[in-house]
Amino acid sequence: MKRTILEEACVIRSKNSGPYELTLDVMFRDRQAFERARAAGVFTPGLVSRLYGVSEADVLGVTWFEPANAVKMTLRRRVASGSPGDTDIYGAQQHAPLLSLEWEG
């Protein structure tokens, strides 16, 4: 069965993790949705690399956090927060590439 992130998650957000890193959080609706997503193996450094156009070396981690039914993905920012060329000083508008994500599971 095809799953979408919009059906499975209740929170999809991004935020700075310091001036040089961006964190993407996906909080799933319940434990079952969390386990389905984890079992599908879709949230990987390769996914983040493809969606954000960065190398896998720039993906600093993908962490599953069971108490919150969440996955956290951290990557290096292309431009430091607040420096010339930065278009989102808080990193709060960077989750959009995740919104069309689908997987089998």
C-alpha atoms as a PDB file:
ATOM      1  CA  MET A   1       0.000   0.000   0.000  1.00  0.00           C
ATOM      2  CA  LYS A   2       1.292   3.456  -0.907  1.00  0.00           C
ATOM      3  CA  ARG A   3       1.779   5.810   2.049  1.00  0.00           C
ATOM      4  CA  THR A   4       2.280   9.560   1.947  1.00  0.00           C
ATOM      5  CA  ILE A   5       4.028  11.668   4.498  1.00  0.00           C
ATOM      6  CA  LEU A   6       0.949  13.920   4.718  1.00  0.00           C
ATOM      7  CA  GLU A   7      -1.192  10.933   5.763  1.00  0.00           C
ATOM      8  CA  GLU A   8       1.327   9.413   8.159  1.00  0.00           C
ATOM      9  CA  ALA A   9       2.766  12.487   9.901  1.00  0.00           C
ATOM     10  CA  CYS A  10       1.154  15.040  12.176  1.00  0.00           C
ATOM     11  CA  VAL A  11       4.157  17.411  12.209  1.00  0.00           C
ATOM     12  CA  ILE A  12       6.674  18.070   9.434  1.00  0.00           C
ATOM     13  CA  ARG A  13       9.053  20.914  10.196  1.00  0.00           C
ATOM     14  CA  SER A  14      12.519  22.319   9.763  1.00  0.00           C
ATOM     15  CA  LYS A  15      14.630  24.521  11.976  1.00  0.00           C
ATOM     16  CA  ASN A  16      18.175  25.597  12.550  1.00  0.00           C
ATOM     17  CA  SER A  17      20.396  23.361  14.579  1.00  0.00           C
ATOM     18  CA  GLY A  18      22.917  26.110  15.142  1.00  0.00           C
ATOM     19  CA  PRO A  19      24.057  28.527  12.417  1.00  0.00           C
ATOM     20  CA  TYR A  20      25.621  25.830  10.212  1.00  0.00           C
ATOM     21  CA  GLU A  21      23.102  22.986  10.388  1.00  0.00           C
ATOM     22  CA  LEU A  22      19.456  22.397   9.503  1.00  0.00           C
ATOM     23  CA  THR A  23      17.241  19.812  11.168  1.00  0.00           C
ATOM     24  CA  LEU A  24      14.176  18.227   9.565  1.00  0.00           C
ATOM     25  CA  ASP A  25      11.658  16.648  11.942  1.00  0.00           C
ATOM     26  CA  VAL A  26       8.858  14.280  11.016  1.00  0.00           C
ATOM     27  CA  MET A  27       6.537  13.310  13.864  1.00  0.00           C
ATOM     28  CA  PHE A  28       4.206  10.468  13.002  1.00  0.00           C
ATOM     29  CA  ARG A  29       0.528  10.280  13.958  1.00  0.00           C
ATOM     30  CA  ASP A  30       0.970   7.173  16.090  1.00  0.00           C
ATOM     31  CA  ARG A  31       3.322   4.297  16.834  1.00  0.00           C
ATOM     32  CA  GLN A  32       1.976   2.238  13.914  1.00  0.00           C
ATOM     33  CA  ALA A  33       2.731   4.998  11.379  1.00  0.00           C
ATOM     34  CA  PHE A  34       6.182   5.456  12.940  1.00  0.00           C
ATOM     35  CA  GLU A  35       6.947   1.738  12.680  1.00  0.00           C
ATOM     36  CA  ARG A  36       5.648   1.528   9.090  1.00  0.00           C
ATOM     37  CA  ALA A  37       7.907   4.391   8.033  1.00  0.00           C
ATOM     38  CA  ARG A  38      10.918   2.985   9.853  1.00  0.00           C
ATOM     39  CA  ALA A  39      10.362  -0.489   8.340  1.00  0.00           C
ATOM     40  CA  ALA A  40      10.022   1.004   4.838  1.00  0.00           C
ATOM     41  CA  GLY A  41      13.577   2.354   5.130  1.00  0.00           C
ATOM     42  CA  VAL A  42      12.729   5.527   3.223  1.00  0.00           C
ATOM     43  CA  PHE A  43      14.264   8.090   5.592  1.00  0.00           C
ATOM     44  CA  THR A  44      17.972   7.773   4.815  1.00  0.00           C
ATOM     45  CA  PRO A  45      20.944  10.034   4.136  1.00  0.00           C
ATOM     46  CA  GLY A  46      20.408   9.215   0.451  1.00  0.00           C
ATOM     47  CA  LEU A  47      16.855  10.578   0.567  1.00  0.00           C
ATOM     48  CA  VAL A  48      17.975  13.807   2.219  1.00  0.00           C
ATOM     49  CA  SER A  49      20.822  14.106  -0.282  1.00  0.00           C
ATOM     50  CA  ARG A  50      18.456  13.762  -3.249  1.00  0.00           C
ATOM     51  CA  LEU A  51      15.719  16.032  -1.903  1.00  0.00           C
ATOM     52  CA  TYR A  52      18.069  18.805  -0.825  1.00  0.00           C
ATOM     53  CA  GLY A  53      20.714  18.561  -3.544  1.00  0.00           C
ATOM     54  CA  VAL A  54      23.592  17.985  -1.146  1.00  0.00           C
ATOM     55  CA  SER A  55      26.163  15.225  -0.910  1.00  0.00           C
ATOM     56  CA  GLU A  56      25.520  12.365   1.486  1.00  0.00           C
ATOM     57  CA  ALA A  57      28.576  13.578   3.400  1.00  0.00           C
ATOM     58  CA  ASP A  58      26.594  16.741   4.198  1.00  0.00           C
ATOM     59  CA  VAL A  59      23.828  14.681   5.813  1.00  0.00           C
ATOM     60  CA  LEU A  60      25.010  14.517   9.398  1.00  0.00           C
ATOM     61  CA  GLY A  61      22.479  12.035  10.687  1.00  0.00           C
ATOM     62  CA  VAL A  62      19.121  10.345  10.553  1.00  0.00           C
ATOM     63  CA  THR A  63      17.876   9.521  14.040  1.00  0.00           C
ATOM     64  CA  TRP A  64      14.729   7.626  14.996  1.00  0.00           C
ATOM     65  CA  PHE A  65      13.315   8.863  18.310  1.00  0.00           C
ATOM     66  CA  GLU A  66      10.793   6.354  19.653  1.00  0.00           C
ATOM     67  CA  PRO A  67       9.405   8.387  22.597  1.00  0.00           C
ATOM     68  CA  ALA A  68       8.093  11.003  20.141  1.00  0.00           C
ATOM     69  CA  ASN A  69       7.316   8.656  17.212  1.00  0.00           C
ATOM     70  CA  ALA A  70       9.672  10.841  15.192  1.00  0.00           C
ATOM     71  CA  VAL A  71      12.608  10.851  12.824  1.00  0.00           C
ATOM     72  CA  LYS A  72      15.142  13.690  12.830  1.00  0.00           C
ATOM     73  CA  MET A  73      17.418  14.357   9.870  1.00  0.00           C
ATOM     74  CA  THR A  74      20.272  16.853  10.148  1.00  0.00           C
ATOM     75  CA  LEU A  75      22.274  18.348   7.307  1.00  0.00           C
ATOM     76  CA  ARG A  76      24.826  21.084   6.811  1.00  0.00           C
ATOM     77  CA  ARG A  77      23.373  24.399   5.690  1.00  0.00           C
ATOM     78  CA  ARG A  78      24.683  25.634   2.331  1.00  0.00           C
ATOM     79  CA  VAL A  79      24.931  29.142   3.745  1.00  0.00           C
ATOM     80  CA  ALA A  80      25.351  29.972   7.424  1.00  0.00           C
ATOM     81  CA  SER A  81      22.249  31.399   9.047  1.00  0.00           C
ATOM     82  CA  GLY A  82      22.140  35.175   8.724  1.00  0.00           C
ATOM     83  CA  SER A  83      25.057  35.449   6.321  1.00  0.00           C
ATOM     84  CA  PRO A  84      24.801  37.067   2.866  1.00  0.00           C
ATOM     85  CA  GLY A  85      22.816  34.813   0.552  1.00  0.00           C
ATOM     86  CA  ASP A  86      20.768  33.208   3.328  1.00  0.00           C
ATOM     87  CA  THR A  87      17.093  33.132   2.363  1.00  0.00           C
ATOM     88  CA  ASP A  88      15.695  31.621   5.570  1.00  0.00           C
ATOM     89  CA  ILE A  89      17.488  32.836   8.680  1.00  0.00           C
ATOM     90  CA  TYR A  90      15.565  30.481  11.000  1.00  0.00           C
ATOM     91  CA  GLY A  91      15.543  27.452   8.695  1.00  0.00           C
ATOM     92  CA  ALA A  92      11.792  27.242   9.266  1.00  0.00           C
ATOM     93  CA  GLN A  93      10.741  27.030   5.607  1.00  0.00           C
ATOM     94  CA  GLN A  94      13.011  24.193   4.476  1.00  0.00           C
ATOM     95  CA  HIS A  95      10.724  21.211   5.067  1.00  0.00           C
ATOM     96  CA  ALA A  96       8.794  21.639   1.775  1.00  0.00           C
ATOM     97  CA  PRO A  97      10.783  19.008  -0.207  1.00  0.00           C
ATOM     98  CA  LEU A  98       9.498  16.377   2.232  1.00  0.00           C
ATOM     99  CA  LEU A  99       5.822  17.171   1.641  1.00  0.00           C
ATOM    100  CA  SER A 100       5.403  15.121  -1.550  1.00  0.00           C
ATOM    101  CA  LEU A 101       7.184  12.039  -0.174  1.00  0.00           C
ATOM    102  CA  GLU A 102       5.513   8.663  -0.804  1.00  0.00           C
ATOM    103  CA  TRP A 103       6.581   5.097  -0.069  1.00  0.00           C
ATOM    104  CA  GLU A 104       5.337   1.549  -0.088  1.00  0.00           C
ATOM    105  CA  GLY A 105       4.575   0.081   3.270  1.00  0.00           C
END
